[in-house]
Amino acid sequence: MSGATRSRADVGPSTWEIPAAFALTWLVAAALILPGGRGAAGALFGGGWVWPRGSDALVAAVGGLVTGDVAAGLAVGDAALLPSAAVVYAVIAAGQLLLIGATAWAGLWWRRTYGSESRTGMADRGEVEAVLGVSRLRAARSLIRPGLYPADRTARPEPPAEGAL
């Protein structure tokens, strides 16, 4: 007795979902670099690491840093630990440049691996040499032609007699 087979389609994401998730993740990372850069500036050049306490303070810190308020979202004691605004924004700019550089590297990697520059199914010269090249054939010659190239070089077999099969 054979059962009916049903084929199920493998449903993948729509065309917009993956780029939208990437863009949202990138925007969140860019926003978190603002208080992170301020904290790093405090740790490197100020009185210590500072970070806003609570989600409301985090949102206020991001908004304040965008508008130019370096101490936004921080308690008064934490704000006193900060270096000058120029140092804070220099560290934030360095963090944003690192994010942009990592994004560019990831984009180039994706283009070479999966995008327009990818060579699906094609092996490069090194891979072809490793699988089909002369060096592989020489290494496996005792398996390919054991009569001509025995594993033990001293025990070369005698050639067959004239009438032998």
N, C-alpha and C. Protein backbone atom coordinates (compact mmCIF):
# COMPACT_ATOMS: atom_id res chain seq x y z
N MET A 1 0.84 -1.15 0.00
CA MET A 1 0.00 0.00 0.00
C MET A 1 0.90 1.23 0.00
N SER A 2 0.67 2.07 -0.94
CA SER A 2 1.51 3.27 -1.03
C SER A 2 0.66 4.49 -0.74
N GLY A 3 1.23 5.36 0.02
CA GLY A 3 0.52 6.59 0.37
C GLY A 3 0.77 7.66 -0.67
N ALA A 4 -0.12 8.56 -0.73
CA ALA A 4 0.04 9.68 -1.67
C ALA A 4 1.14 10.61 -1.14
N THR A 5 2.01 10.99 -2.03
CA THR A 5 3.07 11.90 -1.63
C THR A 5 2.69 13.32 -2.00
N ARG A 6 2.85 14.19 -1.05
CA ARG A 6 2.57 15.59 -1.31
C ARG A 6 3.89 16.35 -1.27
N SER A 7 4.11 17.13 -2.26
CA SER A 7 5.32 17.95 -2.24
C SER A 7 4.98 19.28 -1.57
N ARG A 8 5.85 19.67 -0.68
CA ARG A 8 5.67 20.94 0.00
C ARG A 8 6.75 21.90 -0.48
N ALA A 9 6.34 23.08 -0.79
CA ALA A 9 7.29 24.08 -1.25
C ALA A 9 8.04 24.64 -0.04
N ASP A 10 9.33 24.82 -0.22
CA ASP A 10 10.15 25.42 0.81
C ASP A 10 9.99 26.94 0.69
N VAL A 11 9.29 27.51 1.62
CA VAL A 11 8.96 28.92 1.53
C VAL A 11 10.11 29.73 2.13
N GLY A 12 10.68 30.57 1.33
CA GLY A 12 11.75 31.44 1.79
C GLY A 12 11.23 32.83 2.08
N PRO A 13 12.09 33.68 2.59
CA PRO A 13 11.64 35.04 2.89
C PRO A 13 11.36 35.81 1.61
N SER A 14 10.48 36.80 1.71
CA SER A 14 10.23 37.67 0.58
C SER A 14 11.47 38.49 0.29
N THR A 15 11.44 39.21 -0.79
CA THR A 15 12.63 39.93 -1.20
C THR A 15 12.96 41.10 -0.29
N TRP A 16 12.03 41.64 0.43
CA TRP A 16 12.29 42.83 1.24
C TRP A 16 12.65 42.51 2.69
N GLU A 17 12.42 41.30 3.16
CA GLU A 17 12.57 41.02 4.58
C GLU A 17 14.02 41.03 5.04
N ILE A 18 14.89 40.41 4.30
CA ILE A 18 16.30 40.35 4.70
C ILE A 18 16.96 41.73 4.63
N PRO A 19 16.79 42.50 3.55
CA PRO A 19 17.36 43.85 3.57
C PRO A 19 16.75 44.74 4.66
N ALA A 20 15.47 44.58 4.94
CA ALA A 20 14.85 45.39 6.00
C ALA A 20 15.42 45.02 7.36
N ALA A 21 15.64 43.75 7.61
CA ALA A 21 16.24 43.32 8.88
C ALA A 21 17.67 43.83 8.98
N PHE A 22 18.41 43.78 7.88
CA PHE A 22 19.78 44.30 7.89
C PHE A 22 19.78 45.80 8.16
N ALA A 23 18.91 46.55 7.50
CA ALA A 23 18.85 48.00 7.69
C ALA A 23 18.47 48.36 9.12
N LEU A 24 17.50 47.64 9.68
CA LEU A 24 17.08 47.90 11.06
C LEU A 24 18.20 47.60 12.04
N THR A 25 18.90 46.50 11.83
CA THR A 25 20.04 46.15 12.68
C THR A 25 21.15 47.18 12.58
N TRP A 26 21.41 47.67 11.37
CA TRP A 26 22.44 48.67 11.17
C TRP A 26 22.06 49.97 11.86
N LEU A 27 20.80 50.37 11.76
CA LEU A 27 20.36 51.61 12.41
C LEU A 27 20.44 51.51 13.93
N VAL A 28 20.08 50.36 14.49
CA VAL A 28 20.18 50.17 15.94
C VAL A 28 21.64 50.22 16.37
N ALA A 29 22.53 49.58 15.59
CA ALA A 29 23.95 49.61 15.93
C ALA A 29 24.49 51.04 15.84
N ALA A 30 24.08 51.78 14.81
CA ALA A 30 24.53 53.17 14.68
C ALA A 30 24.03 54.02 15.83
N ALA A 31 22.80 53.77 16.28
CA ALA A 31 22.26 54.53 17.41
C ALA A 31 22.96 54.16 18.71
N LEU A 32 23.28 52.89 18.91
CA LEU A 32 23.94 52.48 20.14
C LEU A 32 25.41 52.88 20.20
N ILE A 33 25.98 53.21 19.05
CA ILE A 33 27.36 53.71 19.05
C ILE A 33 27.42 55.08 19.72
N LEU A 34 26.33 55.83 19.68
CA LEU A 34 26.34 57.16 20.31
C LEU A 34 26.59 57.07 21.81
N PRO A 35 25.76 56.39 22.60
CA PRO A 35 26.09 56.30 24.03
C PRO A 35 27.32 55.42 24.30
N GLY A 36 27.55 54.45 23.43
CA GLY A 36 28.75 53.62 23.60
C GLY A 36 30.03 54.42 23.39
N GLY A 37 30.03 55.30 22.39
CA GLY A 37 31.18 56.16 22.17
C GLY A 37 31.37 57.15 23.30
N ARG A 38 30.25 57.65 23.84
CA ARG A 38 30.35 58.55 24.98
C ARG A 38 30.93 57.82 26.19
N GLY A 39 30.49 56.57 26.39
CA GLY A 39 31.04 55.78 27.49
C GLY A 39 32.51 55.47 27.30
N ALA A 40 32.89 55.16 26.06
CA ALA A 40 34.30 54.87 25.78
C ALA A 40 35.15 56.13 25.95
N ALA A 41 34.62 57.27 25.54
CA ALA A 41 35.35 58.53 25.74
C ALA A 41 35.54 58.81 27.23
N GLY A 42 34.51 58.53 28.03
CA GLY A 42 34.64 58.70 29.47
C GLY A 42 35.66 57.75 30.06
N ALA A 43 35.68 56.51 29.57
CA ALA A 43 36.63 55.53 30.10
C ALA A 43 38.06 55.84 29.68
N LEU A 44 38.26 56.31 28.45
CA LEU A 44 39.61 56.55 27.94
C LEU A 44 40.17 57.91 28.36
N PHE A 45 39.33 58.94 28.31
CA PHE A 45 39.83 60.30 28.50
C PHE A 45 39.18 61.04 29.66
N GLY A 46 38.21 60.44 30.31
CA GLY A 46 37.51 61.10 31.40
C GLY A 46 37.72 60.39 32.72
N GLY A 47 36.66 60.41 33.54
CA GLY A 47 36.76 59.84 34.87
C GLY A 47 36.28 58.41 34.97
N GLY A 48 35.83 57.79 33.89
CA GLY A 48 35.38 56.40 33.93
C GLY A 48 34.21 56.17 32.97
N TRP A 49 33.84 54.91 32.84
CA TRP A 49 32.76 54.51 31.94
C TRP A 49 31.43 55.06 32.42
N VAL A 50 30.66 55.61 31.48
CA VAL A 50 29.32 56.11 31.80
C VAL A 50 28.33 55.48 30.83
N TRP A 51 27.15 55.15 31.34
CA TRP A 51 26.09 54.56 30.53
C TRP A 51 24.76 54.98 31.14
N PRO A 52 23.77 55.33 30.32
CA PRO A 52 22.48 55.73 30.88
C PRO A 52 21.79 54.56 31.57
N ARG A 53 21.09 54.87 32.66
CA ARG A 53 20.40 53.84 33.42
C ARG A 53 18.94 53.80 33.02
N GLY A 54 18.52 52.70 32.43
CA GLY A 54 17.13 52.53 32.03
C GLY A 54 16.92 52.84 30.55
N SER A 55 15.82 52.30 30.02
CA SER A 55 15.55 52.46 28.59
C SER A 55 15.14 53.88 28.25
N ASP A 56 14.42 54.56 29.13
CA ASP A 56 14.05 55.95 28.86
C ASP A 56 15.29 56.84 28.81
N ALA A 57 16.22 56.59 29.71
CA ALA A 57 17.46 57.37 29.72
C ALA A 57 18.30 57.06 28.47
N LEU A 58 18.24 55.82 27.99
CA LEU A 58 18.98 55.46 26.78
C LEU A 58 18.42 56.20 25.58
N VAL A 59 17.10 56.24 25.45
CA VAL A 59 16.47 56.97 24.34
C VAL A 59 16.79 58.45 24.44
N ALA A 60 16.74 59.00 25.67
CA ALA A 60 17.08 60.41 25.86
C ALA A 60 18.54 60.67 25.53
N ALA A 61 19.42 59.72 25.84
CA ALA A 61 20.84 59.88 25.55
C ALA A 61 21.09 59.91 24.05
N VAL A 62 20.45 59.02 23.31
CA VAL A 62 20.62 59.01 21.85
C VAL A 62 20.10 60.30 21.26
N GLY A 63 18.92 60.71 21.68
CA GLY A 63 18.36 61.97 21.17
C GLY A 63 19.20 63.17 21.55
N GLY A 64 19.70 63.20 22.77
CA GLY A 64 20.53 64.32 23.20
C GLY A 64 21.85 64.37 22.48
N LEU A 65 22.47 63.22 22.24
CA LEU A 65 23.75 63.20 21.53
C LEU A 65 23.58 63.62 20.07
N VAL A 66 22.44 63.31 19.49
CA VAL A 66 22.19 63.74 18.11
C VAL A 66 22.03 65.26 18.05
N THR A 67 21.39 65.84 19.06
CA THR A 67 21.15 67.29 19.06
C THR A 67 22.29 68.09 19.68
N GLY A 68 23.32 67.45 20.24
CA GLY A 68 24.48 68.16 20.75
C GLY A 68 24.60 68.21 22.26
N ASP A 69 23.72 67.55 23.00
CA ASP A 69 23.79 67.54 24.46
C ASP A 69 24.58 66.31 24.89
N VAL A 70 25.81 66.51 25.33
CA VAL A 70 26.70 65.40 25.66
C VAL A 70 26.26 64.68 26.93
N ALA A 71 25.65 65.39 27.86
CA ALA A 71 25.28 64.80 29.15
C ALA A 71 23.84 64.29 29.19
N ALA A 72 23.16 64.24 28.07
CA ALA A 72 21.75 63.83 28.06
C ALA A 72 21.61 62.38 28.50
N GLY A 73 20.64 62.12 29.36
CA GLY A 73 20.33 60.78 29.81
C GLY A 73 21.22 60.28 30.93
N LEU A 74 22.12 61.10 31.43
CA LEU A 74 23.04 60.68 32.49
C LEU A 74 22.65 61.34 33.81
N ALA A 75 22.99 60.67 34.89
CA ALA A 75 22.83 61.28 36.21
C ALA A 75 23.88 62.37 36.36
N VAL A 76 23.67 63.27 37.30
CA VAL A 76 24.57 64.42 37.47
C VAL A 76 25.99 63.95 37.81
N GLY A 77 26.13 62.93 38.64
CA GLY A 77 27.45 62.42 38.99
C GLY A 77 28.16 61.80 37.81
N ASP A 78 27.41 61.12 36.95
CA ASP A 78 28.01 60.51 35.76
C ASP A 78 28.42 61.56 34.74
N ALA A 79 27.64 62.62 34.62
CA ALA A 79 27.95 63.68 33.65
C ALA A 79 29.25 64.37 34.00
N ALA A 80 29.60 64.40 35.28
CA ALA A 80 30.85 65.04 35.69
C ALA A 80 32.07 64.24 35.27
N LEU A 81 31.90 62.96 34.95
CA LEU A 81 33.02 62.11 34.55
C LEU A 81 33.41 62.27 33.08
N LEU A 82 32.61 62.98 32.31
CA LEU A 82 32.82 63.07 30.87
C LEU A 82 33.95 64.03 30.51
N PRO A 83 34.70 63.75 29.46
CA PRO A 83 35.67 64.73 28.95
C PRO A 83 34.93 65.81 28.15
N SER A 84 35.66 66.61 27.43
CA SER A 84 35.03 67.69 26.65
C SER A 84 34.16 67.11 25.53
N ALA A 85 33.26 67.95 25.02
CA ALA A 85 32.33 67.51 23.97
C ALA A 85 33.09 67.13 22.70
N ALA A 86 34.18 67.81 22.40
CA ALA A 86 34.95 67.49 21.19
C ALA A 86 35.54 66.09 21.27
N VAL A 87 36.03 65.71 22.44
CA VAL A 87 36.59 64.37 22.61
C VAL A 87 35.49 63.33 22.49
N VAL A 88 34.34 63.60 23.09
CA VAL A 88 33.22 62.65 23.03
C VAL A 88 32.80 62.43 21.58
N TYR A 89 32.64 63.51 20.84
CA TYR A 89 32.19 63.36 19.45
C TYR A 89 33.28 62.79 18.54
N ALA A 90 34.54 62.97 18.88
CA ALA A 90 35.62 62.34 18.12
C ALA A 90 35.59 60.82 18.30
N VAL A 91 35.36 60.36 19.53
CA VAL A 91 35.28 58.92 19.77
C VAL A 91 34.03 58.34 19.11
N ILE A 92 32.92 59.09 19.16
CA ILE A 92 31.69 58.62 18.49
C ILE A 92 31.93 58.54 16.98
N ALA A 93 32.61 59.53 16.40
CA ALA A 93 32.90 59.51 14.96
C ALA A 93 33.79 58.32 14.60
N ALA A 94 34.76 58.01 15.47
CA ALA A 94 35.61 56.84 15.21
C ALA A 94 34.78 55.56 15.24
N GLY A 95 33.85 55.46 16.16
CA GLY A 95 32.97 54.29 16.21
C GLY A 95 32.08 54.18 14.99
N GLN A 96 31.56 55.31 14.53
CA GLN A 96 30.72 55.29 13.33
C GLN A 96 31.55 54.92 12.10
N LEU A 97 32.78 55.39 12.03
CA LEU A 97 33.65 55.01 10.90
C LEU A 97 33.97 53.52 10.93
N LEU A 98 34.16 52.97 12.12
CA LEU A 98 34.36 51.52 12.21
C LEU A 98 33.13 50.76 11.74
N LEU A 99 31.95 51.25 12.09
CA LEU A 99 30.71 50.61 11.63
C LEU A 99 30.59 50.68 10.11
N ILE A 100 30.90 51.83 9.54
CA ILE A 100 30.82 51.98 8.08
C ILE A 100 31.85 51.08 7.40
N GLY A 101 33.05 51.01 7.95
CA GLY A 101 34.07 50.12 7.38
C GLY A 101 33.67 48.66 7.46
N ALA A 102 33.10 48.24 8.60
CA ALA A 102 32.64 46.86 8.74
C ALA A 102 31.50 46.58 7.78
N THR A 103 30.63 47.56 7.57
CA THR A 103 29.53 47.38 6.62
C THR A 103 30.05 47.24 5.20
N ALA A 104 31.02 48.06 4.84
CA ALA A 104 31.60 47.97 3.49
C ALA A 104 32.29 46.62 3.28
N TRP A 105 33.04 46.17 4.30
CA TRP A 105 33.70 44.86 4.19
C TRP A 105 32.67 43.75 4.04
N ALA A 106 31.61 43.80 4.84
CA ALA A 106 30.57 42.76 4.76
C ALA A 106 29.87 42.79 3.41
N GLY A 107 29.65 43.98 2.87
CA GLY A 107 29.04 44.09 1.54
C GLY A 107 29.92 43.50 0.46
N LEU A 108 31.21 43.78 0.52
CA LEU A 108 32.13 43.20 -0.46
C LEU A 108 32.22 41.69 -0.33
N TRP A 109 32.26 41.23 0.92
CA TRP A 109 32.29 39.78 1.14
C TRP A 109 31.03 39.12 0.58
N TRP A 110 29.87 39.72 0.82
CA TRP A 110 28.62 39.15 0.32
C TRP A 110 28.61 39.15 -1.21
N ARG A 111 29.08 40.24 -1.81
CA ARG A 111 29.08 40.31 -3.27
C ARG A 111 29.98 39.25 -3.88
N ARG A 112 31.14 39.00 -3.25
CA ARG A 112 32.04 37.98 -3.78
C ARG A 112 31.55 36.57 -3.51
N THR A 113 30.82 36.38 -2.40
CA THR A 113 30.39 35.04 -2.03
C THR A 113 29.04 34.68 -2.65
N TYR A 114 28.09 35.61 -2.60
CA TYR A 114 26.73 35.30 -3.05
C TYR A 114 26.22 36.21 -4.15
N GLY A 115 26.82 37.34 -4.36
CA GLY A 115 26.30 38.35 -5.27
C GLY A 115 26.76 38.17 -6.70
N SER A 116 26.94 39.32 -7.35
CA SER A 116 27.24 39.30 -8.79
C SER A 116 28.63 38.77 -9.11
N GLU A 117 29.56 38.83 -8.18
CA GLU A 117 30.90 38.33 -8.44
C GLU A 117 31.11 36.88 -8.03
N SER A 118 30.06 36.24 -7.52
CA SER A 118 30.22 34.86 -7.07
C SER A 118 30.33 33.93 -8.27
N ARG A 119 31.11 32.89 -8.09
CA ARG A 119 31.28 31.90 -9.15
C ARG A 119 30.78 30.57 -8.61
N THR A 120 29.50 30.37 -8.68
CA THR A 120 28.94 29.14 -8.15
C THR A 120 29.31 27.98 -9.05
N GLY A 121 29.81 26.93 -8.46
CA GLY A 121 30.16 25.74 -9.21
C GLY A 121 31.52 25.78 -9.86
N MET A 122 32.23 26.87 -9.77
CA MET A 122 33.53 26.99 -10.41
C MET A 122 34.62 26.88 -9.35
N ALA A 123 35.62 26.07 -9.64
CA ALA A 123 36.77 25.93 -8.74
C ALA A 123 37.89 26.82 -9.25
N ASP A 124 38.66 27.37 -8.33
CA ASP A 124 39.80 28.17 -8.75
C ASP A 124 40.98 27.24 -9.05
N ARG A 125 42.08 27.78 -9.50
CA ARG A 125 43.23 26.97 -9.93
C ARG A 125 43.78 26.10 -8.80
N GLY A 126 43.84 26.66 -7.62
CA GLY A 126 44.36 25.89 -6.49
C GLY A 126 43.50 24.69 -6.16
N GLU A 127 42.17 24.86 -6.21
CA GLU A 127 41.27 23.74 -5.92
C GLU A 127 41.35 22.67 -7.01
N VAL A 128 41.47 23.09 -8.26
CA VAL A 128 41.60 22.12 -9.35
C VAL A 128 42.89 21.34 -9.22
N GLU A 129 43.99 22.03 -8.89
CA GLU A 129 45.27 21.36 -8.71
C GLU A 129 45.22 20.36 -7.57
N ALA A 130 44.53 20.71 -6.49
CA ALA A 130 44.45 19.81 -5.34
C ALA A 130 43.68 18.54 -5.67
N VAL A 131 42.68 18.63 -6.54
CA VAL A 131 41.84 17.47 -6.84
C VAL A 131 42.31 16.72 -8.09
N LEU A 132 42.65 17.44 -9.13
CA LEU A 132 42.94 16.80 -10.41
C LEU A 132 44.37 17.00 -10.90
N GLY A 133 45.17 17.72 -10.18
CA GLY A 133 46.48 18.11 -10.68
C GLY A 133 47.51 17.02 -10.67
N VAL A 134 48.66 17.36 -11.24
CA VAL A 134 49.76 16.42 -11.38
C VAL A 134 50.29 16.01 -10.00
N SER A 135 50.34 16.92 -9.06
CA SER A 135 50.87 16.56 -7.74
C SER A 135 49.99 15.52 -7.06
N ARG A 136 48.69 15.59 -7.24
CA ARG A 136 47.79 14.59 -6.66
C ARG A 136 47.98 13.25 -7.37
N LEU A 137 48.11 13.28 -8.68
CA LEU A 137 48.32 12.04 -9.43
C LEU A 137 49.64 11.37 -9.03
N ARG A 138 50.68 12.17 -8.85
CA ARG A 138 51.96 11.60 -8.43
C ARG A 138 51.88 11.02 -7.03
N ALA A 139 51.12 11.68 -6.15
CA ALA A 139 50.99 11.17 -4.78
C ALA A 139 50.20 9.86 -4.76
N ALA A 140 49.26 9.70 -5.68
CA ALA A 140 48.42 8.50 -5.69
C ALA A 140 48.84 7.50 -6.75
N ARG A 141 50.02 7.63 -7.30
CA ARG A 141 50.40 6.75 -8.42
C ARG A 141 50.51 5.29 -8.01
N SER A 142 50.86 5.00 -6.76
CA SER A 142 50.95 3.59 -6.36
C SER A 142 49.56 2.96 -6.26
N LEU A 143 48.52 3.77 -6.07
CA LEU A 143 47.15 3.24 -6.08
C LEU A 143 46.60 3.13 -7.49
N ILE A 144 46.98 4.09 -8.33
CA ILE A 144 46.45 4.11 -9.70
C ILE A 144 47.10 3.03 -10.56
N ARG A 145 48.42 2.92 -10.52
CA ARG A 145 49.16 1.93 -11.31
C ARG A 145 50.10 1.18 -10.39
N PRO A 146 49.59 0.25 -9.57
CA PRO A 146 50.47 -0.43 -8.62
C PRO A 146 51.53 -1.29 -9.30
N GLY A 147 51.28 -1.73 -10.53
CA GLY A 147 52.29 -2.52 -11.23
C GLY A 147 53.49 -1.69 -11.63
N LEU A 148 53.28 -0.45 -12.01
CA LEU A 148 54.38 0.41 -12.42
C LEU A 148 55.02 1.14 -11.25
N TYR A 149 54.20 1.50 -10.26
CA TYR A 149 54.69 2.27 -9.12
C TYR A 149 54.29 1.58 -7.83
N PRO A 150 55.00 0.54 -7.41
CA PRO A 150 54.64 -0.13 -6.16
C PRO A 150 54.91 0.79 -4.97
N ALA A 151 54.17 0.54 -3.90
CA ALA A 151 54.36 1.35 -2.69
C ALA A 151 55.77 1.17 -2.15
N ASP A 152 56.29 -0.07 -2.22
CA ASP A 152 57.66 -0.35 -1.80
C ASP A 152 58.54 -0.29 -3.05
N ARG A 153 59.39 0.73 -3.15
CA ARG A 153 60.19 0.94 -4.36
C ARG A 153 61.19 -0.18 -4.61
N THR A 154 61.59 -0.94 -3.59
CA THR A 154 62.57 -2.00 -3.78
C THR A 154 61.92 -3.25 -4.36
N ALA A 155 60.64 -3.43 -4.20
CA ALA A 155 59.97 -4.65 -4.66
C ALA A 155 59.22 -4.37 -5.95
N ARG A 156 59.95 -4.11 -7.04
CA ARG A 156 59.31 -3.90 -8.33
C ARG A 156 58.97 -5.27 -8.91
N PRO A 157 57.71 -5.47 -9.32
CA PRO A 157 57.33 -6.79 -9.82
C PRO A 157 57.99 -7.09 -11.16
N GLU A 158 58.13 -8.38 -11.40
CA GLU A 158 58.72 -8.85 -12.66
C GLU A 158 57.69 -8.66 -13.77
N PRO A 159 58.13 -8.34 -14.96
CA PRO A 159 57.17 -8.23 -16.08
C PRO A 159 56.60 -9.61 -16.40
N PRO A 160 55.38 -9.64 -16.89
CA PRO A 160 54.76 -10.95 -17.18
C PRO A 160 55.51 -11.69 -18.30
N ALA A 161 55.41 -13.02 -18.24
CA ALA A 161 56.09 -13.86 -19.23
C ALA A 161 55.40 -13.69 -20.59
N GLU A 162 56.04 -14.16 -21.64
CA GLU A 162 55.55 -13.96 -23.00
C GLU A 162 54.19 -14.58 -23.25
N GLY A 163 53.92 -15.72 -22.79
CA GLY A 163 52.66 -16.39 -23.10
C GLY A 163 51.61 -16.20 -22.02
N ALA A 164 51.92 -15.52 -20.96
CA ALA A 164 50.98 -15.38 -19.84
C ALA A 164 49.94 -14.32 -20.13
N LEU A 165 48.81 -14.50 -19.54
CA LEU A 165 47.74 -13.52 -19.66
C LEU A 165 47.83 -12.46 -18.68
